[in-house]
């Protein structure tokens, strides 16, 4: 027995050493999307119908409201993903912004200034001047190609063109790897879901065309398509046109995975109307991000950023997202949409985290 004790102790030391040697380190980044709910400036643009925006309809204190709105948006953006990553999003798609100038004000806000966010933005032909854009931390992501893609749809009765948001494509290098991001804001449900459905189906077809074009060049392209789609994960635009899958094990080589369908099936949403939750804000990803080899970036986890301060605490809309504008005035809130995000991870020799690829959502 006395001779066994040193041997058992040696075996225990070896097991501990091996466990430490096998401990893996990961780099992790947040990629997110946020509908900023009418982030408009206070200057009338004669080329758009921006006077219909909530801030322009205010009778007084427009400049003060704009500053408060910027502060609220910066607070949320600075907070997304920080509990896991200890950093704000490396990449953030945004919608419902008026122009590049409001984004320049936003990224230069004291809460975001040190992150040194760059901007990719094009003006859309939307009648109100609403655009989409991409923000990115310059030290983490470098755009290599950008383009906008017009959605051409027409009124069923008059056959006149309906001017809506472009889809924004940004390709670039995230920590040494090429990825592609498409930012969307699909046509609204104005006039009813059924009547407006063909517009979103058309938007999905354009989105699919962009994805197909990228995959024709590289079948293993890592693509994130994100946005306020004005459709739920189970609607035809996503299930029939994009053929997005709920189960990542059923996604083929050029297929698309939608991690937000599971959230929707569990009763969660990002925006609410007449006591019904919708999950219009989504981030979809392609098959190469689902592989189990973590020597390059892979999907880790998805989430809805619905912190308590983003939720209305009282009144008629208690429990809804705490929006900025309601009943003709600034409510002091944030947005009528919750942000959404995904984490991507890869093995690294420099950053140690406490996450594991096992047990992902």
Protein backbone atom coordinates (compact mmCIF):
# COMPACT_ATOMS: atom_id res chain seq x y z
CA UNK A 1 0.00 0.00 0.00
CA UNK A 2 2.81 2.38 0.85
CA UNK A 3 4.34 1.90 -2.61
CA UNK A 4 0.94 2.50 -4.27
CA UNK A 5 0.43 5.94 -2.73
CA UNK A 6 3.27 7.67 -4.63
CA UNK A 7 2.14 5.92 -7.81
CA UNK A 8 -1.49 7.09 -7.39
CA UNK A 9 -0.27 10.60 -6.65
CA UNK A 10 1.84 10.58 -9.81
CA UNK A 11 -1.13 9.36 -11.89
CA UNK A 12 -3.31 12.15 -10.44
CA UNK A 13 -0.68 14.79 -11.28
CA UNK A 14 -0.48 13.45 -14.85
CA UNK A 15 -4.26 13.58 -15.27
CA UNK A 16 -4.38 17.20 -14.05
CA UNK A 17 -1.48 18.15 -16.34
CA UNK A 18 -3.14 16.51 -19.35
CA UNK A 19 -6.44 18.24 -18.60
CA UNK A 20 -4.66 21.60 -18.47
CA UNK A 21 -2.81 20.83 -21.70
CA UNK A 22 -6.08 20.00 -23.45
CA UNK A 23 -7.81 23.19 -22.25
CA UNK A 24 -8.72 25.14 -25.37
CA UNK A 25 -8.79 28.86 -25.89
CA UNK A 26 -11.26 30.69 -28.10
CA UNK A 27 -11.63 34.04 -29.79
CA UNK A 28 -15.26 35.18 -29.76
CA UNK A 29 -17.02 38.07 -31.51
CA UNK A 30 -20.58 39.39 -31.57
CA UNK A 31 -22.35 40.02 -34.87
CA UNK A 32 -25.67 41.81 -34.34
CA UNK A 33 -28.60 43.63 -35.91
CA UNK A 34 -30.70 46.48 -34.51
CA UNK A 35 -33.69 48.39 -35.90
CA UNK A 36 -33.00 51.88 -34.51
CA UNK A 37 -36.63 53.04 -34.85
CA UNK A 38 -36.57 56.26 -36.84
CA UNK A 39 -33.08 57.57 -36.16
CA UNK A 40 -33.67 60.78 -38.13
CA UNK A 41 -32.04 64.17 -37.78
CA UNK A 42 -33.91 67.46 -37.37
CA UNK A 43 -33.14 68.85 -40.83
CA UNK A 44 -35.77 68.66 -43.55
CA UNK A 45 -34.49 66.87 -46.66
CA UNK A 46 -36.35 68.29 -49.72
CA UNK A 47 -35.68 65.09 -51.67
CA UNK A 48 -37.52 62.73 -49.28
CA UNK A 49 -40.70 62.60 -47.25
CA UNK A 50 -38.71 62.76 -43.99
CA UNK A 51 -41.12 65.31 -42.54
CA UNK A 52 -43.35 62.33 -41.73
CA UNK A 53 -40.74 60.97 -39.30
CA UNK A 54 -41.68 61.21 -35.59
CA UNK A 55 -38.90 63.63 -34.68
CA UNK A 56 -39.87 66.05 -37.45
CA UNK A 57 -43.50 65.96 -36.28
CA UNK A 58 -42.51 67.20 -32.81
CA UNK A 59 -43.51 70.81 -32.12
CA UNK A 60 -40.58 71.68 -29.82
CA UNK A 61 -37.23 70.44 -28.45
CA UNK A 62 -36.26 68.50 -31.57
CA UNK A 63 -32.52 68.92 -30.99
CA UNK A 64 -32.80 67.82 -27.37
CA UNK A 65 -34.82 64.77 -28.38
CA UNK A 66 -32.25 63.88 -31.05
CA UNK A 67 -29.47 63.92 -28.44
CA UNK A 68 -31.50 61.72 -26.09
CA UNK A 69 -32.30 59.33 -28.92
CA UNK A 70 -28.61 59.06 -29.83
CA UNK A 71 -27.69 58.44 -26.21
CA UNK A 72 -30.24 55.62 -25.96
CA UNK A 73 -29.07 53.95 -29.16
CA UNK A 74 -25.41 54.20 -28.09
CA UNK A 75 -26.21 52.69 -24.68
CA UNK A 76 -27.83 49.62 -26.24
CA UNK A 77 -25.14 49.09 -28.87
CA UNK A 78 -22.39 49.38 -26.25
CA UNK A 79 -24.18 46.72 -24.17
CA UNK A 80 -24.97 44.03 -26.76
CA UNK A 81 -22.97 40.86 -26.13
CA UNK A 82 -20.80 42.29 -23.37
CA UNK A 83 -21.73 39.68 -20.76
CA UNK A 84 -20.07 37.01 -22.90
CA UNK A 85 -17.58 38.83 -25.10
CA UNK A 86 -16.68 41.81 -22.88
CA UNK A 87 -16.89 43.96 -26.00
CA UNK A 88 -19.64 45.59 -28.02
CA UNK A 89 -20.46 44.05 -31.43
CA UNK A 90 -17.58 43.65 -33.84
CA UNK A 91 -20.17 44.04 -36.62
CA UNK A 92 -23.64 45.60 -36.37
CA UNK A 93 -26.28 45.90 -39.07
CA UNK A 94 -28.79 48.72 -38.55
CA UNK A 95 -32.07 49.81 -40.13
CA UNK A 96 -34.46 52.79 -39.94
CA UNK A 97 -31.70 55.37 -40.18
CA UNK A 98 -32.04 58.50 -42.31
CA UNK A 99 -28.51 59.09 -43.59
CA UNK A 100 -24.80 58.74 -42.97
CA UNK A 101 -24.75 61.88 -40.83
CA UNK A 102 -26.91 60.40 -38.05
CA UNK A 103 -24.57 57.38 -37.96
CA UNK A 104 -21.54 59.66 -37.68
CA UNK A 105 -23.18 61.30 -34.67
CA UNK A 106 -23.87 57.83 -33.25
CA UNK A 107 -20.39 56.31 -33.61
CA UNK A 108 -18.84 59.49 -32.16
CA UNK A 109 -21.00 59.28 -29.04
CA UNK A 110 -18.83 58.98 -25.88
CA UNK A 111 -20.16 55.46 -25.19
CA UNK A 112 -18.93 54.22 -28.59
CA UNK A 113 -16.07 56.54 -29.54
CA UNK A 114 -13.26 54.29 -28.22
CA UNK A 115 -14.58 51.37 -30.28
CA UNK A 116 -13.68 53.30 -33.46
CA UNK A 117 -16.65 52.13 -35.53
CA UNK A 118 -16.53 52.48 -39.30
CA UNK A 119 -19.64 52.96 -41.44
CA UNK A 120 -20.85 51.38 -44.68
CA UNK A 121 -23.90 53.21 -46.00
CA UNK A 122 -25.66 53.91 -49.29
CA UNK A 123 -28.73 56.07 -49.82
CA UNK A 124 -31.82 54.00 -50.62
CA UNK A 125 -34.69 55.09 -52.88
CA UNK A 126 -37.18 54.64 -50.01
CA UNK A 127 -39.80 57.41 -50.14
CA UNK A 128 -39.17 58.48 -46.53
CA UNK A 129 -35.41 58.20 -46.94
CA UNK A 130 -35.07 55.20 -44.63
CA UNK A 131 -31.81 53.30 -45.13
CA UNK A 132 -29.88 50.30 -43.85
CA UNK A 133 -26.18 50.38 -42.94
CA UNK A 134 -23.35 48.45 -41.35
CA UNK A 135 -21.17 49.52 -38.43
CA UNK A 136 -17.93 47.70 -37.70
CA UNK A 137 -14.99 47.98 -35.32
CA UNK A 138 -12.06 48.93 -37.54
CA UNK A 139 -9.53 46.99 -35.45
CA UNK A 140 -11.52 43.76 -35.94
CA UNK A 141 -13.10 43.97 -39.39
CA UNK A 142 -11.92 45.38 -42.72
CA UNK A 143 -14.42 45.75 -45.60
CA UNK A 144 -13.03 44.63 -48.96
CA UNK A 145 -16.17 44.97 -51.11
CA UNK A 146 -19.47 46.81 -50.70
CA UNK A 147 -22.55 47.08 -52.92
CA UNK A 148 -26.24 47.92 -52.76
CA UNK A 149 -28.97 45.94 -54.48
CA UNK A 150 -32.26 47.54 -55.47
CA UNK A 151 -35.54 45.78 -54.79
CA UNK A 152 -37.90 46.57 -57.67
CA UNK A 153 -41.53 45.94 -56.72
CA UNK A 154 -44.77 47.40 -58.08
CA UNK A 155 -48.25 48.20 -56.83
CA UNK A 156 -50.74 45.50 -57.84
CA UNK A 157 -53.39 48.04 -58.86
CA UNK A 158 -51.54 51.00 -60.37
CA UNK A 159 -48.42 49.07 -61.48
CA UNK A 160 -46.37 52.03 -60.25
CA UNK A 161 -43.05 51.22 -58.66
CA UNK A 162 -42.91 51.10 -54.86
CA UNK A 163 -39.66 52.60 -53.66
CA UNK A 164 -38.23 50.73 -50.68
CA UNK A 165 -34.92 49.92 -49.01
CA UNK A 166 -31.95 48.48 -50.87
CA UNK A 167 -30.18 45.37 -49.61
CA UNK A 168 -26.61 46.07 -48.52
CA UNK A 169 -23.80 43.58 -49.14
CA UNK A 170 -20.49 43.96 -47.30
CA UNK A 171 -17.64 41.48 -47.73
CA UNK A 172 -14.57 41.78 -45.55
CA UNK A 173 -11.95 40.29 -43.28
CA UNK A 174 -12.86 39.46 -39.67
CA UNK A 175 -9.70 38.54 -37.76
CA UNK A 176 -8.07 37.18 -40.90
CA UNK A 177 -11.14 35.43 -42.37
CA UNK A 178 -13.36 36.42 -45.26
CA UNK A 179 -17.04 36.75 -44.36
CA UNK A 180 -20.06 38.31 -46.09
CA UNK A 181 -22.90 40.28 -44.46
CA UNK A 182 -26.19 41.23 -46.10
CA UNK A 183 -28.27 43.87 -44.28
CA UNK A 184 -32.02 43.93 -45.00
CA UNK A 185 -35.15 45.87 -44.19
CA UNK A 186 -37.91 44.17 -46.14
CA UNK A 187 -41.25 45.83 -47.09
CA UNK A 188 -43.73 46.35 -44.27
CA UNK A 189 -47.08 44.66 -43.71
CA UNK A 190 -49.01 47.84 -44.39
CA UNK A 191 -52.36 46.87 -45.92
CA UNK A 192 -52.32 43.46 -44.25
CA UNK A 193 -49.97 40.47 -44.18
CA UNK A 194 -51.57 38.61 -47.09
CA UNK A 195 -51.81 41.62 -49.41
CA UNK A 196 -48.23 42.72 -48.72
CA UNK A 197 -46.75 39.19 -48.76
CA UNK A 198 -45.61 39.26 -52.44
CA UNK A 199 -43.35 42.24 -51.65
CA UNK A 200 -41.46 40.30 -49.00
CA UNK A 201 -41.33 37.22 -51.21
CA UNK A 202 -39.70 39.45 -53.83
CA UNK A 203 -37.25 40.72 -51.19
CA UNK A 204 -36.40 37.13 -50.26
CA UNK A 205 -35.78 36.27 -53.92
CA UNK A 206 -33.36 39.20 -54.22
CA UNK A 207 -31.64 38.07 -51.04
CA UNK A 208 -31.40 34.52 -52.37
CA UNK A 209 -29.91 35.85 -55.62
CA UNK A 210 -27.16 37.67 -53.68
CA UNK A 211 -26.41 34.55 -51.63
CA UNK A 212 -26.38 32.34 -54.75
CA UNK A 213 -23.96 34.73 -56.44
CA UNK A 214 -21.55 34.53 -53.51
CA UNK A 215 -21.84 30.74 -53.35
CA UNK A 216 -21.25 30.37 -57.09
CA UNK A 217 -17.82 31.91 -56.50
CA UNK A 218 -17.20 29.99 -53.26
CA UNK A 219 -19.58 27.21 -52.13
CA UNK A 220 -18.00 27.48 -48.68
CA UNK A 221 -18.66 31.21 -48.29
CA UNK A 222 -19.47 32.27 -44.75
CA UNK A 223 -22.56 34.44 -45.15
CA UNK A 224 -24.69 36.26 -42.57
CA UNK A 225 -27.98 37.68 -43.84
CA UNK A 226 -29.66 39.86 -41.24
CA UNK A 227 -32.33 42.44 -40.79
CA UNK A 228 -35.88 43.46 -40.01
CA UNK A 229 -37.58 41.12 -42.44
CA UNK A 230 -41.17 42.03 -41.47
CA UNK A 231 -41.81 38.28 -41.61
CA UNK A 232 -41.53 35.58 -38.97
CA UNK A 233 -39.14 32.62 -39.38
CA UNK A 234 -42.03 30.39 -40.48
CA UNK A 235 -43.34 32.63 -43.27
CA UNK A 236 -43.03 31.72 -46.97
CA UNK A 237 -40.29 34.25 -47.67
CA UNK A 238 -37.96 32.37 -45.33
CA UNK A 239 -39.21 28.79 -45.56
CA UNK A 240 -40.11 28.58 -49.27
CA UNK A 241 -37.77 31.08 -50.92
CA UNK A 242 -34.68 31.02 -48.70
CA UNK A 243 -35.42 27.45 -47.54
CA UNK A 244 -34.02 28.32 -44.12
CA UNK A 245 -33.82 25.36 -41.75
CA UNK A 246 -34.63 25.24 -38.05
CA UNK A 247 -32.44 22.17 -37.52
CA UNK A 248 -28.78 22.82 -38.32
CA UNK A 249 -28.19 19.09 -38.90
CA UNK A 250 -30.45 19.29 -41.98
CA UNK A 251 -28.64 22.16 -43.65
CA UNK A 252 -26.95 21.18 -46.92
CA UNK A 253 -23.71 22.59 -48.34
CA UNK A 254 -25.32 25.70 -49.83
CA UNK A 255 -28.17 25.75 -47.34
CA UNK A 256 -29.20 28.33 -44.75
CA UNK A 257 -29.74 27.91 -41.01
CA UNK A 258 -32.09 30.15 -39.03
CA UNK A 259 -31.33 29.93 -35.30
CA UNK A 260 -34.23 32.27 -34.55
CA UNK A 261 -36.94 29.85 -35.64
CA UNK A 262 -36.51 27.95 -32.36
CA UNK A 263 -36.99 31.18 -30.40
CA UNK A 264 -40.16 31.91 -32.35
CA UNK A 265 -41.53 28.40 -31.80
CA UNK A 266 -40.96 28.97 -28.07
CA UNK A 267 -43.10 32.12 -28.09
CA UNK A 268 -40.33 34.73 -28.12
CA UNK A 269 -40.25 37.79 -30.34
CA UNK A 270 -38.51 41.06 -31.09
CA UNK A 271 -41.53 43.32 -31.63
CA UNK A 272 -45.17 43.30 -30.56
CA UNK A 273 -48.43 44.56 -32.03
CA UNK A 274 -51.93 44.17 -30.59
CA UNK A 275 -50.66 41.78 -27.92
CA UNK A 276 -49.07 39.46 -30.48
CA UNK A 277 -45.29 38.94 -30.59
CA UNK A 278 -43.46 38.74 -33.91
CA UNK A 279 -39.86 37.79 -34.53
CA UNK A 280 -39.14 39.97 -37.55
CA UNK A 281 -35.49 40.63 -36.62
CA UNK A 282 -33.29 37.69 -37.56
CA UNK A 283 -29.75 36.64 -38.50
CA UNK A 284 -29.42 33.65 -40.84
CA UNK A 285 -26.16 31.87 -41.60
CA UNK A 286 -24.79 29.47 -44.19
CA UNK A 287 -23.58 25.90 -43.72
CA UNK A 288 -19.79 26.52 -43.42
CA UNK A 289 -20.43 28.38 -40.14
CA UNK A 290 -21.91 25.19 -38.66
CA UNK A 291 -18.93 22.89 -39.07
CA UNK A 292 -17.30 21.39 -35.96
CA UNK A 293 -13.73 22.31 -36.84
CA UNK A 294 -13.06 25.41 -34.74
CA UNK A 295 -9.77 26.34 -36.37
CA UNK A 296 -11.78 29.02 -38.18
CA UNK A 297 -14.87 31.00 -37.17
CA UNK A 298 -18.02 28.97 -36.48
CA UNK A 299 -21.46 29.77 -35.14
CA UNK A 300 -21.63 29.43 -31.35
CA UNK A 301 -24.93 30.85 -30.12
CA UNK A 302 -27.80 33.20 -31.01
CA UNK A 303 -29.86 35.48 -28.83
CA UNK A 304 -32.46 38.22 -28.51
CA UNK A 305 -31.11 41.20 -26.57
CA UNK A 306 -34.10 41.99 -24.37
CA UNK A 307 -32.55 43.44 -21.23
CA UNK A 308 -35.03 44.75 -18.64
CA UNK A 309 -34.37 48.42 -19.44
CA UNK A 310 -35.53 47.82 -23.04
CA UNK A 311 -38.97 46.68 -21.85
CA UNK A 312 -41.91 48.99 -21.14
CA UNK A 313 -42.74 48.78 -17.43
CA UNK A 314 -46.21 50.30 -17.33
CA UNK A 315 -49.29 51.44 -19.18
CA UNK A 316 -51.06 50.13 -22.23
CA UNK A 317 -47.90 48.67 -23.73
CA UNK A 318 -46.46 47.09 -20.58
CA UNK A 319 -44.13 44.24 -21.53
CA UNK A 320 -43.60 45.54 -25.07
CA UNK A 321 -40.26 46.89 -26.30
CA UNK A 322 -39.81 50.38 -24.80
CA UNK A 323 -40.02 52.43 -27.97
CA UNK A 324 -38.72 55.96 -28.58
CA UNK A 325 -41.77 57.58 -30.10
CA UNK A 326 -45.42 57.07 -29.16
CA UNK A 327 -48.62 59.08 -29.63
CA UNK A 328 -46.83 62.07 -31.14
CA UNK A 329 -44.10 62.53 -28.54
CA UNK A 330 -40.72 61.18 -27.43
CA UNK A 331 -41.33 58.57 -24.75
CA UNK A 332 -37.75 58.37 -23.51
CA UNK A 333 -37.43 54.80 -24.74
CA UNK A 334 -35.17 52.98 -27.15
CA UNK A 335 -36.80 51.13 -30.05
CA UNK A 336 -39.95 49.21 -30.89
CA UNK A 337 -37.65 46.28 -31.79
CA UNK A 338 -35.22 44.28 -29.67
CA UNK A 339 -31.75 43.73 -31.17
CA UNK A 340 -30.64 40.22 -32.15
CA UNK A 341 -27.15 38.77 -32.21
CA UNK A 342 -25.00 35.72 -32.88
CA UNK A 343 -21.62 34.79 -31.43
CA UNK A 344 -18.88 33.35 -33.64
CA UNK A 345 -15.87 31.55 -32.16
CA UNK A 346 -12.61 29.95 -33.20
CA UNK A 347 -9.68 28.35 -31.43
CA UNK A 348 -7.06 30.87 -30.47
CA UNK A 349 -3.71 30.97 -28.71
CA UNK A 350 -4.22 34.43 -27.28
CA UNK A 351 -7.73 34.74 -25.84
CA UNK A 352 -8.97 32.40 -23.10
CA UNK A 353 -12.70 32.27 -22.50
CA UNK A 354 -14.96 30.06 -20.43
CA UNK A 355 -17.17 29.00 -23.33
CA UNK A 356 -17.44 25.61 -24.99
CA UNK A 357 -18.81 24.77 -28.45
CA UNK A 358 -20.89 22.04 -26.85
CA UNK A 359 -24.46 22.83 -25.89
CA UNK A 360 -24.99 25.59 -28.46
CA UNK A 361 -28.43 27.04 -29.20
